[in-house]
Amino acid sequence: MEKSEKKNYLGICIVGGVLISILIAVVAKLDMATSLIVGTIISLAIGSWVQVKSNQKRANASHKTD
């Protein structure tokens, strides 16, 4: 993975984590600290899943061109 791609990925995870945690705080009426922790965990899980999927697509594409 390139450096800029990694930064982009981390940025998306952080922004997603903050948005998810605000949503959790509003919906579940939790305090902000708890919802930030939960939101960060959820966004990292989603982010790593997306990363794995994109790596699989990239690997499949490189095999087809050979």
PDB file of N, CA and C in Angstrom:
ATOM      1  N   MET A   1       0.838  -1.184   0.000  1.00  0.00           N
ATOM      2  CA  MET A   1       0.000   0.000   0.000  1.00  0.00           C
ATOM      3  C   MET A   1       0.882   1.246   0.000  1.00  0.00           C
ATOM      4  N   GLU A   2       0.520   2.222  -0.827  1.00  0.00           N
ATOM      5  CA  GLU A   2       1.311   3.442  -0.888  1.00  0.00           C
ATOM      6  C   GLU A   2       1.038   4.310   0.334  1.00  0.00           C
ATOM      7  N   LYS A   3       1.969   5.241   0.593  1.00  0.00           N
ATOM      8  CA  LYS A   3       1.850   6.079   1.777  1.00  0.00           C
ATOM      9  C   LYS A   3       0.600   6.959   1.734  1.00  0.00           C
ATOM     10  N   SER A   4       0.337   7.603   0.582  1.00  0.00           N
ATOM     11  CA  SER A   4      -0.823   8.491   0.478  1.00  0.00           C
ATOM     12  C   SER A   4      -2.122   7.706   0.606  1.00  0.00           C
ATOM     13  N   GLU A   5      -2.115   6.479   0.071  1.00  0.00           N
ATOM     14  CA  GLU A   5      -3.301   5.626   0.162  1.00  0.00           C
ATOM     15  C   GLU A   5      -3.582   5.267   1.618  1.00  0.00           C
ATOM     16  N   LYS A   6      -2.517   5.028   2.384  1.00  0.00           N
ATOM     17  CA  LYS A   6      -2.662   4.677   3.796  1.00  0.00           C
ATOM     18  C   LYS A   6      -3.220   5.861   4.590  1.00  0.00           C
ATOM     19  N   LYS A   7      -2.715   7.077   4.288  1.00  0.00           N
ATOM     20  CA  LYS A   7      -3.208   8.277   4.964  1.00  0.00           C
ATOM     21  C   LYS A   7      -4.691   8.468   4.678  1.00  0.00           C
ATOM     22  N   ASN A   8      -5.074   8.295   3.422  1.00  0.00           N
ATOM     23  CA  ASN A   8      -6.462   8.450   3.010  1.00  0.00           C
ATOM     24  C   ASN A   8      -7.345   7.466   3.764  1.00  0.00           C
ATOM     25  N   TYR A   9      -6.897   6.231   3.850  1.00  0.00           N
ATOM     26  CA  TYR A   9      -7.623   5.161   4.539  1.00  0.00           C
ATOM     27  C   TYR A   9      -7.811   5.500   6.016  1.00  0.00           C
ATOM     28  N   LEU A  10      -6.743   5.986   6.657  1.00  0.00           N
ATOM     29  CA  LEU A  10      -6.822   6.357   8.070  1.00  0.00           C
ATOM     30  C   LEU A  10      -7.755   7.540   8.280  1.00  0.00           C
ATOM     31  N   GLY A  11      -7.700   8.499   7.369  1.00  0.00           N
ATOM     32  CA  GLY A  11      -8.579   9.669   7.458  1.00  0.00           C
ATOM     33  C   GLY A  11     -10.038   9.283   7.372  1.00  0.00           C
ATOM     34  N   ILE A  12     -10.349   8.387   6.444  1.00  0.00           N
ATOM     35  CA  ILE A  12     -11.725   7.915   6.292  1.00  0.00           C
ATOM     36  C   ILE A  12     -12.170   7.192   7.557  1.00  0.00           C
ATOM     37  N   CYS A  13     -11.291   6.380   8.128  1.00  0.00           N
ATOM     38  CA  CYS A  13     -11.615   5.652   9.365  1.00  0.00           C
ATOM     39  C   CYS A  13     -11.889   6.612  10.515  1.00  0.00           C
ATOM     40  N   ILE A  14     -11.066   7.651  10.638  1.00  0.00           N
ATOM     41  CA  ILE A  14     -11.225   8.605  11.741  1.00  0.00           C
ATOM     42  C   ILE A  14     -12.526   9.388  11.588  1.00  0.00           C
ATOM     43  N   VAL A  15     -12.775   9.903  10.374  1.00  0.00           N
ATOM     44  CA  VAL A  15     -14.005  10.662  10.130  1.00  0.00           C
ATOM     45  C   VAL A  15     -15.225   9.775  10.338  1.00  0.00           C
ATOM     46  N   GLY A  16     -15.156   8.553   9.809  1.00  0.00           N
ATOM     47  CA  GLY A  16     -16.260   7.606   9.987  1.00  0.00           C
ATOM     48  C   GLY A  16     -16.484   7.286  11.453  1.00  0.00           C
ATOM     49  N   GLY A  17     -15.411   7.116  12.195  1.00  0.00           N
ATOM     50  CA  GLY A  17     -15.519   6.817  13.621  1.00  0.00           C
ATOM     51  C   GLY A  17     -16.184   7.937  14.394  1.00  0.00           C
ATOM     52  N   VAL A  18     -15.827   9.181  14.068  1.00  0.00           N
ATOM     53  CA  VAL A  18     -16.438  10.327  14.748  1.00  0.00           C
ATOM     54  C   VAL A  18     -17.921  10.415  14.408  1.00  0.00           C
ATOM     55  N   LEU A  19     -18.257  10.245  13.123  1.00  0.00           N
ATOM     56  CA  LEU A  19     -19.665  10.310  12.715  1.00  0.00           C
ATOM     57  C   LEU A  19     -20.483   9.199  13.363  1.00  0.00           C
ATOM     58  N   ILE A  20     -19.945   7.980  13.358  1.00  0.00           N
ATOM     59  CA  ILE A  20     -20.654   6.850  13.972  1.00  0.00           C
ATOM     60  C   ILE A  20     -20.818   7.085  15.472  1.00  0.00           C
ATOM     61  N   SER A  21     -19.784   7.622  16.125  1.00  0.00           N
ATOM     62  CA  SER A  21     -19.886   7.825  17.571  1.00  0.00           C
ATOM     63  C   SER A  21     -20.895   8.914  17.918  1.00  0.00           C
ATOM     64  N   ILE A  22     -20.987   9.965  17.090  1.00  0.00           N
ATOM     65  CA  ILE A  22     -22.009  10.995  17.331  1.00  0.00           C
ATOM     66  C   ILE A  22     -23.396  10.383  17.179  1.00  0.00           C
ATOM     67  N   LEU A  23     -23.555   9.554  16.149  1.00  0.00           N
ATOM     68  CA  LEU A  23     -24.830   8.872  15.920  1.00  0.00           C
ATOM     69  C   LEU A  23     -25.186   7.970  17.102  1.00  0.00           C
ATOM     70  N   ILE A  24     -24.198   7.212  17.600  1.00  0.00           N
ATOM     71  CA  ILE A  24     -24.424   6.326  18.750  1.00  0.00           C
ATOM     72  C   ILE A  24     -24.795   7.155  19.984  1.00  0.00           C
ATOM     73  N   ALA A  25     -24.114   8.281  20.178  1.00  0.00           N
ATOM     74  CA  ALA A  25     -24.388   9.127  21.347  1.00  0.00           C
ATOM     75  C   ALA A  25     -25.818   9.650  21.310  1.00  0.00           C
ATOM     76  N   VAL A  26     -26.289  10.025  20.120  1.00  0.00           N
ATOM     77  CA  VAL A  26     -27.643  10.564  19.988  1.00  0.00           C
ATOM     78  C   VAL A  26     -28.681   9.458  20.141  1.00  0.00           C
ATOM     79  N   VAL A  27     -28.480   8.348  19.425  1.00  0.00           N
ATOM     80  CA  VAL A  27     -29.484   7.277  19.409  1.00  0.00           C
ATOM     81  C   VAL A  27     -29.530   6.532  20.740  1.00  0.00           C
ATOM     82  N   ALA A  28     -28.369   6.100  21.227  1.00  0.00           N
ATOM     83  CA  ALA A  28     -28.333   5.275  22.443  1.00  0.00           C
ATOM     84  C   ALA A  28     -28.244   6.111  23.719  1.00  0.00           C
ATOM     85  N   LYS A  29     -28.100   7.437  23.564  1.00  0.00           N
ATOM     86  CA  LYS A  29     -27.982   8.364  24.700  1.00  0.00           C
ATOM     87  C   LYS A  29     -26.838   7.971  25.639  1.00  0.00           C
ATOM     88  N   LEU A  30     -25.715   7.565  25.043  1.00  0.00           N
ATOM     89  CA  LEU A  30     -24.513   7.259  25.828  1.00  0.00           C
ATOM     90  C   LEU A  30     -23.699   8.534  25.990  1.00  0.00           C
ATOM     91  N   ASP A  31     -22.768   8.534  26.940  1.00  0.00           N
ATOM     92  CA  ASP A  31     -21.877   9.679  27.045  1.00  0.00           C
ATOM     93  C   ASP A  31     -20.874   9.638  25.890  1.00  0.00           C
ATOM     94  N   MET A  32     -20.278  10.779  25.593  1.00  0.00           N
ATOM     95  CA  MET A  32     -19.455  10.919  24.388  1.00  0.00           C
ATOM     96  C   MET A  32     -18.228  10.006  24.420  1.00  0.00           C
ATOM     97  N   ALA A  33     -17.620   9.805  25.581  1.00  0.00           N
ATOM     98  CA  ALA A  33     -16.412   8.973  25.659  1.00  0.00           C
ATOM     99  C   ALA A  33     -16.712   7.532  25.263  1.00  0.00           C
ATOM    100  N   THR A  34     -17.788   6.981  25.798  1.00  0.00           N
ATOM    101  CA  THR A  34     -18.155   5.597  25.476  1.00  0.00           C
ATOM    102  C   THR A  34     -18.485   5.460  24.002  1.00  0.00           C
ATOM    103  N   SER A  35     -19.273   6.417  23.490  1.00  0.00           N
ATOM    104  CA  SER A  35     -19.678   6.323  22.090  1.00  0.00           C
ATOM    105  C   SER A  35     -18.490   6.522  21.149  1.00  0.00           C
ATOM    106  N   LEU A  36     -17.502   7.333  21.558  1.00  0.00           N
ATOM    107  CA  LEU A  36     -16.294   7.496  20.734  1.00  0.00           C
ATOM    108  C   LEU A  36     -15.528   6.186  20.633  1.00  0.00           C
ATOM    109  N   ILE A  37     -15.411   5.485  21.747  1.00  0.00           N
ATOM    110  CA  ILE A  37     -14.700   4.200  21.749  1.00  0.00           C
ATOM    111  C   ILE A  37     -15.424   3.200  20.860  1.00  0.00           C
ATOM    112  N   VAL A  38     -16.745   3.092  21.048  1.00  0.00           N
ATOM    113  CA  VAL A  38     -17.537   2.145  20.257  1.00  0.00           C
ATOM    114  C   VAL A  38     -17.497   2.516  18.778  1.00  0.00           C
ATOM    115  N   GLY A  39     -17.644   3.805  18.475  1.00  0.00           N
ATOM    116  CA  GLY A  39     -17.622   4.268  17.085  1.00  0.00           C
ATOM    117  C   GLY A  39     -16.292   4.007  16.410  1.00  0.00           C
ATOM    118  N   THR A  40     -15.209   4.207  17.136  1.00  0.00           N
ATOM    119  CA  THR A  40     -13.878   3.952  16.579  1.00  0.00           C
ATOM    120  C   THR A  40     -13.692   2.476  16.271  1.00  0.00           C
ATOM    121  N   ILE A  41     -14.125   1.615  17.182  1.00  0.00           N
ATOM    122  CA  ILE A  41     -14.003   0.170  16.960  1.00  0.00           C
ATOM    123  C   ILE A  41     -14.808  -0.248  15.735  1.00  0.00           C
ATOM    124  N   ILE A  42     -16.047   0.261  15.633  1.00  0.00           N
ATOM    125  CA  ILE A  42     -16.901  -0.092  14.492  1.00  0.00           C
ATOM    126  C   ILE A  42     -16.282   0.397  13.190  1.00  0.00           C
ATOM    127  N   SER A  43     -15.794   1.640  13.169  1.00  0.00           N
ATOM    128  CA  SER A  43     -15.237   2.185  11.928  1.00  0.00           C
ATOM    129  C   SER A  43     -13.958   1.462  11.519  1.00  0.00           C
ATOM    130  N   LEU A  44     -13.137   1.070  12.495  1.00  0.00           N
ATOM    131  CA  LEU A  44     -11.927   0.309  12.165  1.00  0.00           C
ATOM    132  C   LEU A  44     -12.278  -1.063  11.608  1.00  0.00           C
ATOM    133  N   ALA A  45     -13.318  -1.673  12.166  1.00  0.00           N
ATOM    134  CA  ALA A  45     -13.755  -2.975  11.654  1.00  0.00           C
ATOM    135  C   ALA A  45     -14.253  -2.846  10.221  1.00  0.00           C
ATOM    136  N   ILE A  46     -15.087  -1.832   9.968  1.00  0.00           N
ATOM    137  CA  ILE A  46     -15.603  -1.612   8.610  1.00  0.00           C
ATOM    138  C   ILE A  46     -14.454  -1.260   7.673  1.00  0.00           C
ATOM    139  N   GLY A  47     -13.559  -0.392   8.137  1.00  0.00           N
ATOM    140  CA  GLY A  47     -12.430   0.030   7.312  1.00  0.00           C
ATOM    141  C   GLY A  47     -11.512  -1.116   6.943  1.00  0.00           C
ATOM    142  N   SER A  48     -11.229  -1.996   7.888  1.00  0.00           N
ATOM    143  CA  SER A  48     -10.349  -3.126   7.583  1.00  0.00           C
ATOM    144  C   SER A  48     -11.041  -4.108   6.647  1.00  0.00           C
ATOM    145  N   TRP A  49     -12.353  -4.273   6.805  1.00  0.00           N
ATOM    146  CA  TRP A  49     -13.110  -5.152   5.901  1.00  0.00           C
ATOM    147  C   TRP A  49     -13.068  -4.608   4.475  1.00  0.00           C
ATOM    148  N   VAL A  50     -13.274  -3.290   4.326  1.00  0.00           N
ATOM    149  CA  VAL A  50     -13.217  -2.652   3.006  1.00  0.00           C
ATOM    150  C   VAL A  50     -11.820  -2.794   2.419  1.00  0.00           C
ATOM    151  N   GLN A  51     -10.794  -2.628   3.256  1.00  0.00           N
ATOM    152  CA  GLN A  51      -9.410  -2.745   2.797  1.00  0.00           C
ATOM    153  C   GLN A  51      -9.126  -4.153   2.283  1.00  0.00           C
ATOM    154  N   VAL A  52      -9.598  -5.158   2.994  1.00  0.00           N
ATOM    155  CA  VAL A  52      -9.402  -6.547   2.571  1.00  0.00           C
ATOM    156  C   VAL A  52     -10.098  -6.785   1.239  1.00  0.00           C
ATOM    157  N   LYS A  53     -11.327  -6.278   1.103  1.00  0.00           N
ATOM    158  CA  LYS A  53     -12.083  -6.457  -0.141  1.00  0.00           C
ATOM    159  C   LYS A  53     -11.372  -5.787  -1.310  1.00  0.00           C
ATOM    160  N   SER A  54     -10.853  -4.578  -1.110  1.00  0.00           N
ATOM    161  CA  SER A  54     -10.180  -3.879  -2.204  1.00  0.00           C
ATOM    162  C   SER A  54      -8.871  -4.573  -2.567  1.00  0.00           C
ATOM    163  N   ASN A  55      -8.182  -5.143  -1.572  1.00  0.00           N
ATOM    164  CA  ASN A  55      -6.959  -5.897  -1.852  1.00  0.00           C
ATOM    165  C   ASN A  55      -7.270  -7.153  -2.655  1.00  0.00           C
ATOM    166  N   GLN A  56      -8.396  -7.810  -2.339  1.00  0.00           N
ATOM    167  CA  GLN A  56      -8.796  -9.000  -3.087  1.00  0.00           C
ATOM    168  C   GLN A  56      -9.110  -8.640  -4.537  1.00  0.00           C
ATOM    169  N   LYS A  57      -9.824  -7.527  -4.730  1.00  0.00           N
ATOM    170  CA  LYS A  57     -10.153  -7.085  -6.092  1.00  0.00           C
ATOM    171  C   LYS A  57      -8.877  -6.788  -6.871  1.00  0.00           C
ATOM    172  N   ARG A  58      -7.938  -6.102  -6.210  1.00  0.00           N
ATOM    173  CA  ARG A  58      -6.681  -5.743  -6.858  1.00  0.00           C
ATOM    174  C   ARG A  58      -5.893  -7.006  -7.229  1.00  0.00           C
ATOM    175  N   ALA A  59      -5.879  -7.986  -6.337  1.00  0.00           N
ATOM    176  CA  ALA A  59      -5.167  -9.241  -6.600  1.00  0.00           C
ATOM    177  C   ALA A  59      -5.817  -9.990  -7.756  1.00  0.00           C
ATOM    178  N   ASN A  60      -7.137 -10.026  -7.769  1.00  0.00           N
ATOM    179  CA  ASN A  60      -7.844 -10.696  -8.863  1.00  0.00           C
ATOM    180  C   ASN A  60      -7.588 -10.002 -10.190  1.00  0.00           C
ATOM    181  N   ALA A  61      -7.569  -8.677 -10.187  1.00  0.00           N
ATOM    182  CA  ALA A  61      -7.330  -7.922 -11.414  1.00  0.00           C
ATOM    183  C   ALA A  61      -5.919  -8.166 -11.935  1.00  0.00           C
ATOM    184  N   SER A  62      -4.939  -8.245 -11.037  1.00  0.00           N
ATOM    185  CA  SER A  62      -3.562  -8.455 -11.482  1.00  0.00           C
ATOM    186  C   SER A  62      -3.364  -9.869 -12.029  1.00  0.00           C
ATOM    187  N   HIS A  63      -4.105 -10.837 -11.523  1.00  0.00           N
ATOM    188  CA  HIS A  63      -3.997 -12.202 -12.051  1.00  0.00           C
ATOM    189  C   HIS A  63      -4.599 -12.301 -13.447  1.00  0.00           C
ATOM    190  N   LYS A  64      -5.661 -11.557 -13.693  1.00  0.00           N
ATOM    191  CA  LYS A  64      -6.338 -11.623 -14.986  1.00  0.00           C
ATOM    192  C   LYS A  64      -5.499 -11.006 -16.097  1.00  0.00           C
ATOM    193  N   THR A  65      -4.697  -9.980 -15.767  1.00  0.00           N
ATOM    194  CA  THR A  65      -3.911  -9.308 -16.800  1.00  0.00           C
ATOM    195  C   THR A  65      -2.662 -10.092 -17.186  1.00  0.00           C
ATOM    196  N   ASP A  66      -2.222 -11.008 -16.349  1.00  0.00           N
ATOM    197  CA  ASP A  66      -0.991 -11.773 -16.646  1.00  0.00           C
ATOM    198  C   ASP A  66      -1.172 -12.711 -17.825  1.00  0.00           C
TER     199      ASP A  66
END
